[in-house]
Amino acid sequence: MDYIISLPFSEEDINIIKGGDVLYLNGTVYSARDAAHKRMYDAINEYLEKTGKSVDAVSSKELFENGVTPIDLSGNVLYYLGPTPAKPGQVIGSAGPTTSSRMDKYTPLLLDLGLKGMIGKGKRSDDVKAAIKRNKAIYMGATGGAGALLSKCIKSSEVIAYDDLGTEAIRKMEVENFPVTVLIDADGICFRV
C-alpha cells in the first residue's frame, strides 16, 4: 500500500503501516548520523548515571528540557543523513541515506525514549529489531544513490545542534512527499531486510 503521512506519526499510522508499504512523508524529520548518535547516547547515559534514574523513569521531554538531548525524541523521525554542501539556490545538497547499522549500538536506547521512526539503508541488528517491536516504531529505507532526487523533497534545512560535527550535525528538515519504503514495521515484520 501507499500512504501519504503527516509527521509526527500517529498511533493509528503506526498500526496500519506494514513492511513493504511506500510512504510519502510530510513534516519534520531530523538528520543524525553516528557521531551525533554517539553524542546523544553518551549524554543520556551520563544523565542517567548522575540522577540514578533508569530509562523507564525518564522521558525524552525531560532529557530535552534539561539540555541532555538537542531534540525531544518522542514521536520523531531520524534520517541517517550527512548531506553534501548545498549549491547556490539549493536548500540542501545531495541527501542520500547512510548505512543504518552504524547507528545500531545507539538505537535501542533512543527507541526506548520514544523515537518512532528511522530512515536509512541496509539491515538492522536483532537488538534494534526487538526495540522496534517493543516500542511500536518503524524503520524505513530511502533509495541509496538517489540523494540528488531526495534532496528535492526537503523544503527547509537548519542545523540545530552539534554544528561542530559539520555534515554530521543534527538538522531540522521540513520534507514534502519524501518517499520511503517500510523495511521493518511496528510488529517487527521485515521487508527485504
N, C-alpha and C. Protein backbone atom coordinates (compact mmCIF):
# COMPACT_ATOMS: atom_id res chain seq x y z
N MET A 1 0.83 -1.19 0.00
CA MET A 1 0.00 0.00 0.00
C MET A 1 0.88 1.26 0.00
N ASP A 2 0.34 2.32 -0.52
CA ASP A 2 0.99 3.62 -0.49
C ASP A 2 0.20 4.54 0.45
N TYR A 3 0.93 5.30 1.27
CA TYR A 3 0.27 6.22 2.19
C TYR A 3 0.98 7.57 2.16
N ILE A 4 0.19 8.62 2.24
CA ILE A 4 0.73 9.97 2.47
C ILE A 4 0.61 10.19 3.97
N ILE A 5 1.73 10.46 4.62
CA ILE A 5 1.78 10.54 6.08
C ILE A 5 2.21 11.94 6.52
N SER A 6 1.46 12.50 7.46
CA SER A 6 1.85 13.76 8.10
C SER A 6 2.57 13.40 9.39
N LEU A 7 3.77 13.94 9.55
CA LEU A 7 4.56 13.67 10.76
C LEU A 7 4.25 14.71 11.83
N PRO A 8 4.39 14.36 13.11
CA PRO A 8 4.85 13.07 13.62
C PRO A 8 3.81 11.97 13.38
N PHE A 9 4.28 10.72 13.45
CA PHE A 9 3.40 9.58 13.25
C PHE A 9 2.32 9.56 14.33
N SER A 10 1.11 9.23 13.92
CA SER A 10 0.05 8.99 14.91
C SER A 10 0.09 7.51 15.26
N GLU A 11 -0.53 7.16 16.36
CA GLU A 11 -0.61 5.74 16.74
C GLU A 11 -1.35 4.95 15.67
N GLU A 12 -2.37 5.57 15.09
CA GLU A 12 -3.14 4.92 14.02
C GLU A 12 -2.24 4.63 12.81
N ASP A 13 -1.42 5.62 12.43
CA ASP A 13 -0.49 5.42 11.32
C ASP A 13 0.41 4.22 11.59
N ILE A 14 1.02 4.21 12.75
CA ILE A 14 1.97 3.15 13.11
C ILE A 14 1.28 1.78 13.04
N ASN A 15 0.03 1.71 13.46
CA ASN A 15 -0.68 0.43 13.49
C ASN A 15 -1.10 -0.08 12.11
N ILE A 16 -1.32 0.82 11.14
CA ILE A 16 -1.76 0.34 9.82
C ILE A 16 -0.60 0.10 8.86
N ILE A 17 0.53 0.75 9.10
CA ILE A 17 1.69 0.63 8.21
C ILE A 17 2.30 -0.76 8.33
N LYS A 18 2.57 -1.37 7.21
CA LYS A 18 3.16 -2.71 7.19
C LYS A 18 4.43 -2.72 6.35
N GLY A 19 5.30 -3.71 6.61
CA GLY A 19 6.52 -3.87 5.84
C GLY A 19 6.21 -3.92 4.35
N GLY A 20 6.96 -3.17 3.57
CA GLY A 20 6.77 -3.12 2.13
C GLY A 20 5.92 -1.94 1.68
N ASP A 21 5.19 -1.31 2.61
CA ASP A 21 4.40 -0.14 2.24
C ASP A 21 5.31 1.01 1.81
N VAL A 22 4.84 1.80 0.89
CA VAL A 22 5.55 3.01 0.46
C VAL A 22 4.88 4.20 1.12
N LEU A 23 5.68 5.02 1.79
CA LEU A 23 5.17 6.20 2.48
C LEU A 23 5.71 7.45 1.81
N TYR A 24 4.89 8.48 1.79
CA TYR A 24 5.31 9.81 1.35
C TYR A 24 5.19 10.71 2.57
N LEU A 25 6.33 11.03 3.17
CA LEU A 25 6.36 11.75 4.44
C LEU A 25 6.27 13.26 4.23
N ASN A 26 5.49 13.91 5.11
CA ASN A 26 5.34 15.35 5.11
C ASN A 26 5.45 15.84 6.55
N GLY A 27 6.35 16.79 6.77
CA GLY A 27 6.52 17.32 8.12
C GLY A 27 7.98 17.39 8.50
N THR A 28 8.25 17.28 9.79
CA THR A 28 9.60 17.44 10.32
C THR A 28 10.32 16.11 10.46
N VAL A 29 11.55 16.08 9.96
CA VAL A 29 12.46 14.95 10.10
C VAL A 29 13.79 15.55 10.56
N TYR A 30 14.48 14.85 11.45
CA TYR A 30 15.79 15.30 11.93
C TYR A 30 16.88 14.41 11.36
N SER A 31 17.98 15.02 10.92
CA SER A 31 19.12 14.23 10.45
C SER A 31 20.02 13.90 11.64
N ALA A 32 20.59 12.72 11.63
CA ALA A 32 21.56 12.34 12.66
C ALA A 32 22.32 11.12 12.17
N ARG A 33 23.64 11.21 12.21
CA ARG A 33 24.48 10.08 11.85
C ARG A 33 25.21 9.57 13.09
N ASP A 34 26.22 8.74 12.88
CA ASP A 34 26.87 8.07 14.01
C ASP A 34 27.46 9.01 15.05
N ALA A 35 28.13 10.07 14.64
CA ALA A 35 28.75 10.97 15.62
C ALA A 35 27.69 11.65 16.48
N ALA A 36 26.59 12.08 15.89
CA ALA A 36 25.50 12.70 16.65
C ALA A 36 24.82 11.67 17.56
N HIS A 37 24.64 10.45 17.05
CA HIS A 37 24.06 9.39 17.88
C HIS A 37 24.93 9.12 19.10
N LYS A 38 26.23 9.01 18.88
CA LYS A 38 27.14 8.73 19.99
C LYS A 38 27.08 9.85 21.03
N ARG A 39 27.03 11.09 20.57
CA ARG A 39 27.00 12.22 21.50
C ARG A 39 25.71 12.20 22.32
N MET A 40 24.57 11.93 21.68
CA MET A 40 23.31 11.85 22.43
C MET A 40 23.33 10.67 23.40
N TYR A 41 23.77 9.52 22.92
CA TYR A 41 23.82 8.30 23.72
C TYR A 41 24.68 8.50 24.98
N ASP A 42 25.85 9.07 24.79
CA ASP A 42 26.74 9.32 25.92
C ASP A 42 26.13 10.31 26.91
N ALA A 43 25.49 11.37 26.40
CA ALA A 43 24.88 12.38 27.27
C ALA A 43 23.70 11.78 28.06
N ILE A 44 22.92 10.94 27.41
CA ILE A 44 21.79 10.29 28.10
C ILE A 44 22.30 9.38 29.20
N ASN A 45 23.29 8.55 28.89
CA ASN A 45 23.83 7.64 29.90
C ASN A 45 24.48 8.38 31.05
N GLU A 46 25.14 9.49 30.76
CA GLU A 46 25.74 10.32 31.80
C GLU A 46 24.65 10.89 32.71
N TYR A 47 23.56 11.35 32.12
CA TYR A 47 22.44 11.90 32.88
C TYR A 47 21.80 10.81 33.76
N LEU A 48 21.60 9.63 33.19
CA LEU A 48 21.01 8.53 33.96
C LEU A 48 21.90 8.16 35.15
N GLU A 49 23.20 8.13 34.90
CA GLU A 49 24.14 7.81 35.99
C GLU A 49 24.12 8.89 37.06
N LYS A 50 24.14 10.15 36.64
CA LYS A 50 24.16 11.28 37.56
C LYS A 50 22.90 11.35 38.41
N THR A 51 21.75 11.08 37.80
CA THR A 51 20.47 11.19 38.51
C THR A 51 20.05 9.90 39.20
N GLY A 52 20.70 8.78 38.83
CA GLY A 52 20.33 7.50 39.40
C GLY A 52 19.01 6.96 38.86
N LYS A 53 18.55 7.54 37.76
CA LYS A 53 17.30 7.10 37.14
C LYS A 53 17.55 6.00 36.12
N SER A 54 16.51 5.21 35.88
CA SER A 54 16.56 4.21 34.81
C SER A 54 15.91 4.81 33.57
N VAL A 55 16.11 4.16 32.44
CA VAL A 55 15.49 4.63 31.19
C VAL A 55 13.98 4.68 31.34
N ASP A 56 13.40 3.73 32.06
CA ASP A 56 11.95 3.69 32.26
C ASP A 56 11.44 4.86 33.11
N ALA A 57 12.32 5.48 33.88
CA ALA A 57 11.91 6.55 34.80
C ALA A 57 12.19 7.94 34.26
N VAL A 58 12.60 8.04 33.02
CA VAL A 58 12.92 9.34 32.43
C VAL A 58 12.20 9.46 31.09
N SER A 59 11.81 10.67 30.76
CA SER A 59 11.14 10.88 29.46
C SER A 59 12.06 11.64 28.52
N SER A 60 11.77 11.50 27.25
CA SER A 60 12.53 12.25 26.24
C SER A 60 12.35 13.74 26.44
N LYS A 61 11.14 14.15 26.85
CA LYS A 61 10.87 15.56 27.12
C LYS A 61 11.76 16.08 28.25
N GLU A 62 11.91 15.29 29.30
CA GLU A 62 12.78 15.66 30.43
C GLU A 62 14.22 15.83 29.95
N LEU A 63 14.68 14.90 29.14
CA LEU A 63 16.05 14.98 28.64
C LEU A 63 16.25 16.24 27.79
N PHE A 64 15.29 16.54 26.95
CA PHE A 64 15.35 17.73 26.10
C PHE A 64 15.32 19.00 26.95
N GLU A 65 14.39 19.07 27.89
CA GLU A 65 14.26 20.27 28.72
C GLU A 65 15.47 20.51 29.61
N ASN A 66 16.19 19.45 29.94
CA ASN A 66 17.40 19.59 30.75
C ASN A 66 18.66 19.72 29.91
N GLY A 67 18.50 19.87 28.60
CA GLY A 67 19.65 20.08 27.72
C GLY A 67 20.49 18.86 27.47
N VAL A 68 19.98 17.68 27.80
CA VAL A 68 20.72 16.44 27.59
C VAL A 68 20.72 16.07 26.11
N THR A 69 19.55 16.18 25.48
CA THR A 69 19.42 15.91 24.06
C THR A 69 18.98 17.19 23.35
N PRO A 70 19.36 17.38 22.11
CA PRO A 70 19.01 18.61 21.40
C PRO A 70 17.59 18.62 20.83
N ILE A 71 16.91 17.46 20.86
CA ILE A 71 15.52 17.37 20.42
C ILE A 71 14.77 16.46 21.37
N ASP A 72 13.46 16.65 21.42
CA ASP A 72 12.59 15.71 22.14
C ASP A 72 12.34 14.57 21.16
N LEU A 73 12.85 13.40 21.46
CA LEU A 73 12.77 12.26 20.55
C LEU A 73 11.35 11.72 20.39
N SER A 74 10.48 11.98 21.35
CA SER A 74 9.14 11.39 21.35
C SER A 74 8.39 11.61 20.05
N GLY A 75 8.07 10.51 19.39
CA GLY A 75 7.27 10.55 18.18
C GLY A 75 8.01 10.99 16.93
N ASN A 76 9.27 11.35 17.06
CA ASN A 76 10.01 11.90 15.93
C ASN A 76 10.69 10.85 15.07
N VAL A 77 11.22 11.33 13.93
CA VAL A 77 11.89 10.50 12.94
C VAL A 77 13.31 11.02 12.74
N LEU A 78 14.28 10.11 12.77
CA LEU A 78 15.67 10.44 12.47
C LEU A 78 16.03 9.87 11.10
N TYR A 79 16.66 10.71 10.30
CA TYR A 79 17.15 10.31 8.98
C TYR A 79 18.66 10.21 9.07
N TYR A 80 19.19 9.04 8.78
CA TYR A 80 20.63 8.80 8.82
C TYR A 80 21.25 9.44 7.59
N LEU A 81 21.60 10.70 7.74
CA LEU A 81 21.97 11.54 6.62
C LEU A 81 23.12 12.47 6.99
N GLY A 82 24.06 12.59 6.09
CA GLY A 82 25.10 13.60 6.15
C GLY A 82 25.17 14.23 4.77
N PRO A 83 24.40 15.28 4.53
CA PRO A 83 24.28 15.82 3.17
C PRO A 83 25.56 16.47 2.66
N THR A 84 25.66 16.55 1.36
CA THR A 84 26.76 17.31 0.76
C THR A 84 26.40 18.79 0.88
N PRO A 85 27.38 19.67 0.73
CA PRO A 85 27.08 21.11 0.81
C PRO A 85 26.06 21.52 -0.27
N ALA A 86 25.20 22.44 0.11
CA ALA A 86 24.20 22.94 -0.83
C ALA A 86 24.86 23.88 -1.84
N LYS A 87 24.44 23.75 -3.08
CA LYS A 87 24.88 24.68 -4.12
C LYS A 87 24.01 25.92 -4.04
N PRO A 88 24.46 27.03 -4.62
CA PRO A 88 23.63 28.24 -4.59
C PRO A 88 22.21 27.95 -5.09
N GLY A 89 21.23 28.44 -4.32
CA GLY A 89 19.84 28.25 -4.68
C GLY A 89 19.22 26.95 -4.18
N GLN A 90 20.04 26.08 -3.56
CA GLN A 90 19.53 24.82 -3.03
C GLN A 90 19.31 24.94 -1.53
N VAL A 91 18.33 24.19 -1.02
CA VAL A 91 18.07 24.12 0.41
C VAL A 91 19.13 23.24 1.08
N ILE A 92 19.51 22.17 0.41
CA ILE A 92 20.43 21.17 0.95
C ILE A 92 21.12 20.50 -0.24
N GLY A 93 22.30 19.95 0.00
CA GLY A 93 22.97 19.21 -1.06
C GLY A 93 22.38 17.82 -1.20
N SER A 94 23.09 16.95 -1.86
CA SER A 94 22.64 15.58 -2.05
C SER A 94 22.31 14.98 -0.68
N ALA A 95 21.15 14.32 -0.58
CA ALA A 95 20.63 13.89 0.72
C ALA A 95 20.28 12.42 0.74
N GLY A 96 21.24 11.58 0.35
CA GLY A 96 21.01 10.14 0.36
C GLY A 96 21.28 9.54 1.73
N PRO A 97 20.70 8.38 2.01
CA PRO A 97 20.86 7.73 3.32
C PRO A 97 22.24 7.11 3.49
N THR A 98 22.64 7.01 4.75
CA THR A 98 23.87 6.29 5.08
C THR A 98 23.48 4.92 5.65
N THR A 99 24.45 4.06 5.80
CA THR A 99 24.23 2.70 6.27
C THR A 99 23.76 2.71 7.73
N SER A 100 22.58 2.15 7.95
CA SER A 100 21.92 2.22 9.26
C SER A 100 22.62 1.44 10.35
N SER A 101 23.30 0.36 10.00
CA SER A 101 23.92 -0.47 11.04
C SER A 101 24.95 0.30 11.86
N ARG A 102 25.44 1.41 11.33
CA ARG A 102 26.40 2.23 12.08
C ARG A 102 25.76 2.86 13.32
N MET A 103 24.42 2.93 13.34
CA MET A 103 23.69 3.50 14.48
C MET A 103 23.13 2.44 15.41
N ASP A 104 23.32 1.16 15.09
CA ASP A 104 22.66 0.09 15.83
C ASP A 104 23.00 0.07 17.33
N LYS A 105 24.21 0.41 17.70
CA LYS A 105 24.60 0.41 19.11
C LYS A 105 23.75 1.39 19.91
N TYR A 106 23.37 2.49 19.30
CA TYR A 106 22.70 3.59 20.00
C TYR A 106 21.18 3.55 19.88
N THR A 107 20.68 2.87 18.88
CA THR A 107 19.26 2.95 18.52
C THR A 107 18.30 2.39 19.56
N PRO A 108 18.54 1.23 20.19
CA PRO A 108 17.56 0.73 21.16
C PRO A 108 17.26 1.73 22.28
N LEU A 109 18.26 2.42 22.77
CA LEU A 109 18.05 3.42 23.82
C LEU A 109 17.15 4.55 23.32
N LEU A 110 17.42 5.04 22.11
CA LEU A 110 16.62 6.14 21.56
C LEU A 110 15.18 5.69 21.32
N LEU A 111 15.00 4.45 20.87
CA LEU A 111 13.64 3.93 20.69
C LEU A 111 12.92 3.80 22.03
N ASP A 112 13.63 3.35 23.06
CA ASP A 112 13.03 3.23 24.39
C ASP A 112 12.62 4.60 24.94
N LEU A 113 13.21 5.66 24.42
CA LEU A 113 12.87 7.02 24.85
C LEU A 113 11.82 7.68 23.96
N GLY A 114 11.26 6.94 23.02
CA GLY A 114 10.13 7.46 22.26
C GLY A 114 10.34 7.73 20.79
N LEU A 115 11.54 7.53 20.26
CA LEU A 115 11.76 7.69 18.84
C LEU A 115 10.80 6.75 18.10
N LYS A 116 10.12 7.24 17.05
CA LYS A 116 9.13 6.42 16.36
C LYS A 116 9.54 5.97 14.97
N GLY A 117 10.53 6.63 14.37
CA GLY A 117 10.91 6.23 13.03
C GLY A 117 12.35 6.55 12.72
N MET A 118 12.92 5.72 11.85
CA MET A 118 14.29 5.91 11.38
C MET A 118 14.29 5.68 9.88
N ILE A 119 15.08 6.50 9.17
CA ILE A 119 15.24 6.35 7.73
C ILE A 119 16.72 6.11 7.44
N GLY A 120 17.01 5.08 6.69
CA GLY A 120 18.39 4.79 6.33
C GLY A 120 18.43 3.80 5.20
N LYS A 121 19.45 2.94 5.22
CA LYS A 121 19.54 1.85 4.24
C LYS A 121 20.25 0.69 4.90
N GLY A 122 19.87 -0.50 4.48
CA GLY A 122 20.54 -1.70 4.95
C GLY A 122 19.88 -2.37 6.13
N LYS A 123 20.51 -3.44 6.56
CA LYS A 123 19.99 -4.30 7.63
C LYS A 123 20.15 -3.65 9.00
N ARG A 124 19.36 -4.17 9.96
CA ARG A 124 19.44 -3.76 11.36
C ARG A 124 19.74 -4.98 12.21
N SER A 125 20.34 -4.75 13.38
CA SER A 125 20.69 -5.84 14.28
C SER A 125 19.43 -6.42 14.93
N ASP A 126 19.58 -7.59 15.52
CA ASP A 126 18.47 -8.21 16.23
C ASP A 126 18.02 -7.34 17.40
N ASP A 127 18.97 -6.68 18.08
CA ASP A 127 18.61 -5.78 19.19
C ASP A 127 17.76 -4.62 18.71
N VAL A 128 18.08 -4.05 17.56
CA VAL A 128 17.29 -2.95 17.01
C VAL A 128 15.92 -3.45 16.61
N LYS A 129 15.85 -4.61 15.96
CA LYS A 129 14.55 -5.17 15.55
C LYS A 129 13.66 -5.40 16.77
N ALA A 130 14.23 -5.92 17.84
CA ALA A 130 13.45 -6.15 19.07
C ALA A 130 12.97 -4.83 19.66
N ALA A 131 13.83 -3.81 19.63
CA ALA A 131 13.45 -2.50 20.17
C ALA A 131 12.37 -1.83 19.32
N ILE A 132 12.42 -2.03 18.00
CA ILE A 132 11.38 -1.50 17.11
C ILE A 132 10.04 -2.12 17.50
N LYS A 133 10.01 -3.42 17.66
CA LYS A 133 8.77 -4.11 18.01
C LYS A 133 8.30 -3.71 19.41
N ARG A 134 9.21 -3.68 20.37
CA ARG A 134 8.88 -3.34 21.76
C ARG A 134 8.27 -1.94 21.87
N ASN A 135 8.76 -1.03 21.05
CA ASN A 135 8.34 0.36 21.14
C ASN A 135 7.36 0.79 20.06
N LYS A 136 6.90 -0.15 19.24
CA LYS A 136 5.94 0.16 18.18
C LYS A 136 6.45 1.31 17.31
N ALA A 137 7.63 1.12 16.76
CA ALA A 137 8.26 2.10 15.88
C ALA A 137 8.39 1.49 14.49
N ILE A 138 8.97 2.22 13.54
CA ILE A 138 9.20 1.66 12.21
C ILE A 138 10.56 2.11 11.68
N TYR A 139 11.11 1.25 10.84
CA TYR A 139 12.36 1.54 10.14
C TYR A 139 12.05 1.62 8.66
N MET A 140 12.46 2.72 8.05
CA MET A 140 12.17 2.97 6.64
C MET A 140 13.45 3.09 5.84
N GLY A 141 13.39 2.67 4.60
CA GLY A 141 14.53 2.78 3.72
C GLY A 141 14.30 3.86 2.67
N ALA A 142 15.33 4.66 2.46
CA ALA A 142 15.35 5.61 1.35
C ALA A 142 16.29 5.03 0.31
N THR A 143 16.08 5.35 -0.94
CA THR A 143 16.86 4.76 -2.01
C THR A 143 18.28 5.31 -2.02
N GLY A 144 19.25 4.42 -1.77
CA GLY A 144 20.65 4.79 -1.86
C GLY A 144 20.99 5.17 -3.29
N GLY A 145 21.84 6.17 -3.47
CA GLY A 145 22.23 6.60 -4.80
C GLY A 145 21.28 7.61 -5.42
N ALA A 146 20.20 7.93 -4.71
CA ALA A 146 19.22 8.88 -5.23
C ALA A 146 19.21 10.17 -4.42
N GLY A 147 20.33 10.49 -3.80
CA GLY A 147 20.42 11.65 -2.91
C GLY A 147 20.04 12.97 -3.55
N ALA A 148 20.42 13.16 -4.82
CA ALA A 148 20.07 14.41 -5.51
C ALA A 148 18.56 14.54 -5.68
N LEU A 149 17.91 13.43 -6.00
CA LEU A 149 16.45 13.45 -6.14
C LEU A 149 15.77 13.61 -4.79
N LEU A 150 16.24 12.91 -3.76
CA LEU A 150 15.65 13.01 -2.44
C LEU A 150 15.76 14.43 -1.89
N SER A 151 16.85 15.12 -2.21
CA SER A 151 17.05 16.49 -1.70
C SER A 151 15.95 17.43 -2.17
N LYS A 152 15.33 17.13 -3.29
CA LYS A 152 14.26 17.98 -3.82
C LYS A 152 12.99 17.91 -2.97
N CYS A 153 12.88 16.87 -2.13
CA CYS A 153 11.73 16.71 -1.23
C CYS A 153 11.96 17.41 0.11
N ILE A 154 13.16 17.96 0.31
CA ILE A 154 13.49 18.67 1.54
C ILE A 154 13.31 20.16 1.28
N LYS A 155 12.31 20.74 1.94
CA LYS A 155 11.92 22.12 1.65
C LYS A 155 12.62 23.14 2.53
N SER A 156 13.13 22.71 3.68
CA SER A 156 13.96 23.59 4.52
C SER A 156 14.89 22.72 5.34
N SER A 157 16.03 23.29 5.69
CA SER A 157 17.04 22.56 6.46
C SER A 157 17.80 23.57 7.32
N GLU A 158 17.85 23.28 8.62
CA GLU A 158 18.53 24.18 9.55
C GLU A 158 19.32 23.35 10.56
N VAL A 159 20.60 23.64 10.72
CA VAL A 159 21.40 22.97 11.74
C VAL A 159 20.91 23.46 13.10
N ILE A 160 20.53 22.50 13.96
CA ILE A 160 20.02 22.88 15.28
C ILE A 160 20.91 22.40 16.43
N ALA A 161 21.87 21.52 16.14
CA ALA A 161 22.74 21.02 17.21
C ALA A 161 24.01 20.40 16.64
N TYR A 162 25.05 20.45 17.45
CA TYR A 162 26.33 19.81 17.14
C TYR A 162 26.93 20.33 15.84
N ASP A 163 26.87 21.63 15.64
CA ASP A 163 27.39 22.19 14.38
C ASP A 163 28.88 21.93 14.20
N ASP A 164 29.58 21.62 15.30
CA ASP A 164 30.99 21.28 15.19
C ASP A 164 31.22 19.97 14.44
N LEU A 165 30.16 19.18 14.26
CA LEU A 165 30.28 17.91 13.55
C LEU A 165 30.19 18.08 12.03
N GLY A 166 30.01 19.30 11.57
CA GLY A 166 29.95 19.55 10.14
C GLY A 166 28.77 18.85 9.51
N THR A 167 29.03 18.03 8.50
CA THR A 167 27.94 17.36 7.79
C THR A 167 27.15 16.42 8.69
N GLU A 168 27.73 16.01 9.82
CA GLU A 168 27.03 15.11 10.74
C GLU A 168 26.26 15.84 11.82
N ALA A 169 26.17 17.17 11.74
CA ALA A 169 25.38 17.94 12.69
C ALA A 169 23.91 17.52 12.59
N ILE A 170 23.15 17.78 13.64
CA ILE A 170 21.72 17.49 13.59
C ILE A 170 21.00 18.64 12.91
N ARG A 171 20.21 18.28 11.91
CA ARG A 171 19.43 19.26 11.15
C ARG A 171 17.95 19.01 11.37
N LYS A 172 17.21 20.09 11.45
CA LYS A 172 15.75 20.01 11.43
C LYS A 172 15.34 20.28 9.99
N MET A 173 14.65 19.33 9.39
CA MET A 173 14.29 19.45 7.98
C MET A 173 12.78 19.31 7.82
N GLU A 174 12.22 20.14 6.97
CA GLU A 174 10.82 20.00 6.59
C GLU A 174 10.80 19.28 5.25
N VAL A 175 10.08 18.17 5.22
CA VAL A 175 10.02 17.37 4.00
C VAL A 175 8.62 17.39 3.41
N GLU A 176 8.57 17.20 2.11
CA GLU A 176 7.30 17.15 1.40
C GLU A 176 7.32 15.97 0.44
N ASN A 177 6.39 15.05 0.66
CA ASN A 177 6.28 13.83 -0.17
C ASN A 177 7.61 13.10 -0.29
N PHE A 178 8.31 12.98 0.84
CA PHE A 178 9.59 12.30 0.89
C PHE A 178 9.34 10.79 0.81
N PRO A 179 9.81 10.11 -0.25
CA PRO A 179 9.47 8.70 -0.46
C PRO A 179 10.37 7.73 0.31
N VAL A 180 9.73 6.83 1.05
CA VAL A 180 10.44 5.78 1.78
C VAL A 180 9.66 4.49 1.67
N THR A 181 10.34 3.37 1.88
CA THR A 181 9.70 2.06 1.95
C THR A 181 9.87 1.53 3.36
N VAL A 182 8.80 0.99 3.93
CA VAL A 182 8.87 0.44 5.29
C VAL A 182 9.63 -0.88 5.22
N LEU A 183 10.76 -0.93 5.91
CA LEU A 183 11.60 -2.13 5.92
C LEU A 183 11.35 -3.00 7.14
N ILE A 184 11.00 -2.37 8.28
CA ILE A 184 10.59 -3.11 9.48
C ILE A 184 9.41 -2.36 10.06
N ASP A 185 8.29 -3.07 10.21
CA ASP A 185 7.10 -2.41 10.74
C ASP A 185 7.02 -2.57 12.25
N ALA A 186 5.98 -1.99 12.86
CA ALA A 186 5.84 -1.97 14.32
C ALA A 186 5.62 -3.36 14.92
N ASP A 187 5.26 -4.34 14.08
CA ASP A 187 5.13 -5.71 14.55
C ASP A 187 6.44 -6.48 14.42
N GLY A 188 7.48 -5.80 13.95
CA GLY A 188 8.78 -6.44 13.79
C GLY A 188 8.90 -7.23 12.50
N ILE A 189 7.93 -7.08 11.60
CA ILE A 189 7.96 -7.78 10.32
C ILE A 189 8.92 -7.07 9.37
N CYS A 190 9.87 -7.82 8.84
CA CYS A 190 10.89 -7.26 7.97
C CYS A 190 10.50 -7.42 6.50
N PHE A 191 10.84 -6.41 5.73
CA PHE A 191 10.63 -6.45 4.29
C PHE A 191 11.99 -6.25 3.64
N ARG A 192 12.54 -7.31 3.05
CA ARG A 192 13.85 -7.26 2.38
C ARG A 192 14.98 -6.77 3.29
N VAL A 193 14.90 -7.05 4.56
CA VAL A 193 15.97 -6.67 5.48
C VAL A 193 16.45 -7.90 6.19
